[in-house]
Amino acid sequence: MKPALIIVDMQNDAVHKDGYHGEDAKKGIPIDLGFLMSPVPNIKRLAAAFRKAGRPVIHVVMMLRPDYSDACFPYWKFERPIERGFHVEGTWGNQIIDELTPQKGDYIVVKKGYGGFHNTELEPMLRNLGVDTCVMTGVGTPVCVGTTVREGVNRNFRMIVVSDGTAALSKASHEAELRLLPFVFADVKTSDEVLKMLK
């Protein structure tokens, strides 16, 4: 196994209390901010271990033009995303959270939609690095993480989803995706299990 750690959308707009989803939560929209941030300690542990082992750490981030002319997902389903600056390049909301700031030697892949492989450099990067296994962390489990998992399967990568290294807007949607993925898409493992595999 030649793994890479993939960290999806751990950006201020997605998980920080003052980001896009955080502002929605303050309005009473049912978003579990505590749960969204819960994977951070485990992602940090995994990233440190992957770096120490000389394995790639890849941050996959959504980054859009202010007018959303390059968006590749149904942004019109969101509440005024353009006006509120959801994942817009150059904004604080679009930055990776401080706790997971990329380190020297990490890679960053920019996506325009839910999937990390669609119209991005992720696949050639993984091929060139000799990677055959993607260890998936980040948010949200049933959307951007899950979409990237399915795209990776279609490209013959082995996909591993870290159960305590991923999260979603609600625990229910996270748990539902984790029940579905093991059937045909991915192995689901804890961060401790992944660390043992890495050794």
Protein backbone atom coordinates (compact mmCIF):
# COMPACT_ATOMS: atom_id res chain seq x y z
CA MET A 1 0.00 0.00 0.00
CA LYS A 2 1.30 3.45 -0.97
CA PRO A 3 -1.04 5.92 0.72
CA ALA A 4 -1.59 9.66 0.65
CA LEU A 5 -3.56 11.61 3.22
CA ILE A 6 -6.32 13.67 1.59
CA ILE A 7 -7.76 16.53 3.68
CA VAL A 8 -10.95 17.90 2.15
CA ASP A 9 -12.41 21.39 2.63
CA MET A 10 -11.10 22.12 6.12
CA GLN A 11 -11.60 25.81 5.43
CA ASN A 12 -13.03 28.59 7.54
CA ASP A 13 -16.27 28.86 5.55
CA ALA A 14 -16.92 25.15 6.00
CA VAL A 15 -16.08 24.55 9.67
CA HIS A 16 -15.16 27.73 11.59
CA LYS A 17 -17.76 29.30 13.90
CA ASP A 18 -17.38 32.62 12.07
CA GLY A 19 -17.47 31.13 8.57
CA TYR A 20 -20.36 30.60 6.17
CA HIS A 21 -21.79 27.56 7.96
CA GLY A 22 -21.08 29.16 11.32
CA GLU A 23 -23.15 32.20 10.38
CA ASP A 24 -25.98 29.90 9.28
CA ALA A 25 -25.82 28.10 12.63
CA LYS A 26 -26.13 31.43 14.44
CA LYS A 27 -29.38 32.00 12.51
CA GLY A 28 -30.81 28.79 13.88
CA ILE A 29 -30.14 26.60 10.87
CA PRO A 30 -29.45 23.08 12.22
CA ILE A 31 -25.69 22.80 11.70
CA ASP A 32 -23.57 21.01 14.28
CA LEU A 33 -20.47 23.21 14.40
CA GLY A 34 -18.91 21.26 17.22
CA PHE A 35 -19.15 18.09 15.18
CA LEU A 36 -17.73 19.81 12.08
CA MET A 37 -14.59 20.71 14.04
CA SER A 38 -14.35 17.39 15.88
CA PRO A 39 -12.05 15.68 13.30
CA VAL A 40 -9.33 18.34 13.67
CA PRO A 41 -7.23 16.62 16.37
CA ASN A 42 -7.26 13.31 14.49
CA ILE A 43 -6.45 14.96 11.16
CA LYS A 44 -3.52 16.72 12.83
CA ARG A 45 -2.24 13.38 14.21
CA LEU A 46 -2.58 11.71 10.85
CA ALA A 47 -0.91 14.56 8.98
CA ALA A 48 2.06 14.52 11.35
CA ALA A 49 2.40 10.75 10.99
CA PHE A 50 2.14 10.83 7.19
CA ARG A 51 4.78 13.56 6.99
CA LYS A 52 7.09 11.64 9.32
CA ALA A 53 6.64 8.52 7.17
CA GLY A 54 7.45 10.49 4.03
CA ARG A 55 3.95 10.02 2.65
CA PRO A 56 2.09 12.82 0.82
CA VAL A 57 -0.34 15.12 2.62
CA ILE A 58 -2.74 16.76 0.16
CA HIS A 59 -5.19 19.53 1.01
CA VAL A 60 -8.15 19.61 -1.38
CA VAL A 61 -9.92 22.96 -1.19
CA MET A 62 -12.85 24.64 -2.91
CA MET A 63 -11.91 28.03 -4.34
CA LEU A 64 -14.22 30.11 -6.53
CA ARG A 65 -14.26 33.41 -8.39
CA PRO A 66 -16.40 36.11 -6.71
CA ASP A 67 -19.07 35.84 -9.42
CA TYR A 68 -19.12 32.02 -9.29
CA SER A 69 -18.53 31.86 -13.04
CA ASP A 70 -16.23 28.87 -12.48
CA ALA A 71 -18.47 27.00 -10.02
CA CYS A 72 -19.19 23.36 -10.81
CA PHE A 73 -21.99 22.58 -8.35
CA PRO A 74 -25.59 23.79 -7.84
CA TYR A 75 -24.70 26.85 -5.80
CA TRP A 76 -28.17 28.30 -6.39
CA LYS A 77 -29.44 25.80 -3.82
CA PHE A 78 -27.58 27.72 -1.12
CA GLU A 79 -28.89 30.84 0.58
CA ARG A 80 -27.27 33.76 -1.28
CA PRO A 81 -23.79 32.15 -1.54
CA ILE A 82 -22.38 34.72 -3.95
CA GLU A 83 -23.44 37.72 -1.89
CA ARG A 84 -22.07 36.13 1.27
CA GLY A 85 -18.79 35.06 -0.32
CA PHE A 86 -18.92 31.28 0.18
CA HIS A 87 -15.46 29.80 -0.63
CA VAL A 88 -14.39 32.84 -2.64
CA GLU A 89 -10.71 33.09 -3.52
CA GLY A 90 -8.74 35.64 -1.53
CA THR A 91 -11.15 35.78 1.41
CA TRP A 92 -10.61 34.71 5.02
CA GLY A 93 -13.45 32.23 4.66
CA ASN A 94 -11.61 30.42 1.92
CA GLN A 95 -8.44 29.89 3.95
CA ILE A 96 -7.61 26.54 5.51
CA ILE A 97 -8.21 26.70 9.27
CA ASP A 98 -5.23 27.69 11.38
CA GLU A 99 -5.09 24.31 13.13
CA LEU A 100 -4.40 22.55 9.81
CA THR A 101 -2.22 25.11 8.05
CA PRO A 102 -0.31 23.31 5.27
CA GLN A 103 3.29 22.54 6.13
CA LYS A 104 6.36 22.59 3.90
CA GLY A 105 6.11 19.68 1.50
CA ASP A 106 2.30 19.46 1.61
CA TYR A 107 0.31 19.76 -1.62
CA ILE A 108 -2.78 21.87 -2.34
CA VAL A 109 -5.35 20.94 -4.98
CA VAL A 110 -8.08 23.43 -5.94
CA LYS A 111 -11.51 22.16 -6.94
CA LYS A 112 -14.55 23.99 -8.27
CA GLY A 113 -17.20 21.53 -7.17
CA TYR A 114 -17.83 18.67 -4.78
CA GLY A 115 -15.36 16.11 -6.13
CA GLY A 116 -11.62 16.38 -5.64
CA PHE A 117 -10.80 14.60 -8.90
CA HIS A 118 -13.12 16.36 -11.36
CA ASN A 119 -11.14 18.80 -13.53
CA THR A 120 -8.30 19.01 -11.00
CA GLU A 121 -4.66 17.96 -10.84
CA LEU A 122 -5.31 15.40 -8.10
CA GLU A 123 -5.15 12.26 -10.25
CA PRO A 124 -1.91 13.10 -12.11
CA MET A 125 -0.39 14.24 -8.83
CA LEU A 126 -1.22 10.91 -7.16
CA ARG A 127 0.07 8.95 -10.17
CA ASN A 128 3.32 10.89 -10.26
CA LEU A 129 3.79 10.37 -6.51
CA GLY A 130 3.21 6.63 -6.88
CA VAL A 131 0.11 6.67 -4.68
CA ASP A 132 -2.40 3.82 -4.88
CA THR A 133 -4.44 4.49 -1.73
CA CYS A 134 -6.28 7.65 -0.65
CA VAL A 135 -6.89 8.07 3.07
CA MET A 136 -9.81 10.47 3.20
CA THR A 137 -10.42 13.05 5.92
CA GLY A 138 -12.29 16.36 6.14
CA VAL A 139 -15.83 17.52 5.41
CA GLY A 140 -18.54 16.86 4.52
CA THR A 141 -18.72 13.10 4.67
CA PRO A 142 -21.75 12.63 2.37
CA VAL A 143 -20.93 15.47 -0.04
CA CYS A 144 -17.35 16.50 -0.86
CA VAL A 145 -15.64 13.58 0.87
CA GLY A 146 -18.13 11.05 -0.45
CA THR A 147 -18.04 12.45 -3.98
CA THR A 148 -14.23 12.33 -4.00
CA VAL A 149 -14.34 8.73 -2.76
CA ARG A 150 -16.61 7.69 -5.61
CA GLU A 151 -14.46 9.51 -8.16
CA GLY A 152 -11.36 7.81 -6.77
CA VAL A 153 -12.96 4.37 -7.04
CA ASN A 154 -13.71 5.07 -10.70
CA ARG A 155 -9.99 5.73 -11.18
CA ASN A 156 -8.93 2.48 -9.49
CA PHE A 157 -7.57 4.00 -6.29
CA ARG A 158 -8.15 2.21 -3.03
CA MET A 159 -10.19 4.53 -0.84
CA ILE A 160 -10.10 4.57 2.95
CA VAL A 161 -12.42 6.89 4.88
CA VAL A 162 -11.36 7.83 8.41
CA SER A 163 -14.50 7.62 10.53
CA ASP A 164 -13.23 9.97 13.25
CA GLY A 165 -11.35 12.15 10.77
CA THR A 166 -14.44 13.19 8.82
CA ALA A 167 -17.63 15.04 9.69
CA ALA A 168 -20.73 16.65 8.21
CA LEU A 169 -23.34 19.27 8.99
CA SER A 170 -25.09 16.64 11.11
CA LYS A 171 -24.00 13.41 12.79
CA ALA A 172 -26.94 11.63 11.18
CA SER A 173 -25.82 12.34 7.61
CA HIS A 174 -22.21 11.46 8.52
CA GLU A 175 -23.22 8.13 10.03
CA ALA A 176 -25.52 7.30 7.11
CA GLU A 177 -22.67 7.77 4.63
CA LEU A 178 -20.32 5.66 6.75
CA ARG A 179 -22.88 2.86 6.67
CA LEU A 180 -23.13 3.07 2.88
CA LEU A 181 -19.49 3.42 1.83
CA PRO A 182 -18.15 0.01 2.97
CA PHE A 183 -20.49 -1.88 0.65
CA VAL A 184 -18.74 -1.04 -2.61
CA PHE A 185 -16.79 2.20 -2.31
CA ALA A 186 -14.33 2.35 0.55
CA ASP A 187 -12.90 0.83 3.69
CA VAL A 188 -13.92 2.74 6.81
CA LYS A 189 -11.30 2.85 9.54
CA THR A 190 -10.57 4.86 12.67
CA SER A 191 -7.58 7.17 12.86
CA ASP A 192 -5.86 4.71 15.22
CA GLU A 193 -6.32 1.90 12.69
CA VAL A 194 -4.83 4.05 9.93
CA LEU A 195 -1.84 4.93 12.11
CA LYS A 196 -1.20 1.23 12.71
CA MET A 197 -1.41 0.56 8.97
CA LEU A 198 1.04 3.38 8.31
CA LYS A 199 3.60 1.79 10.63
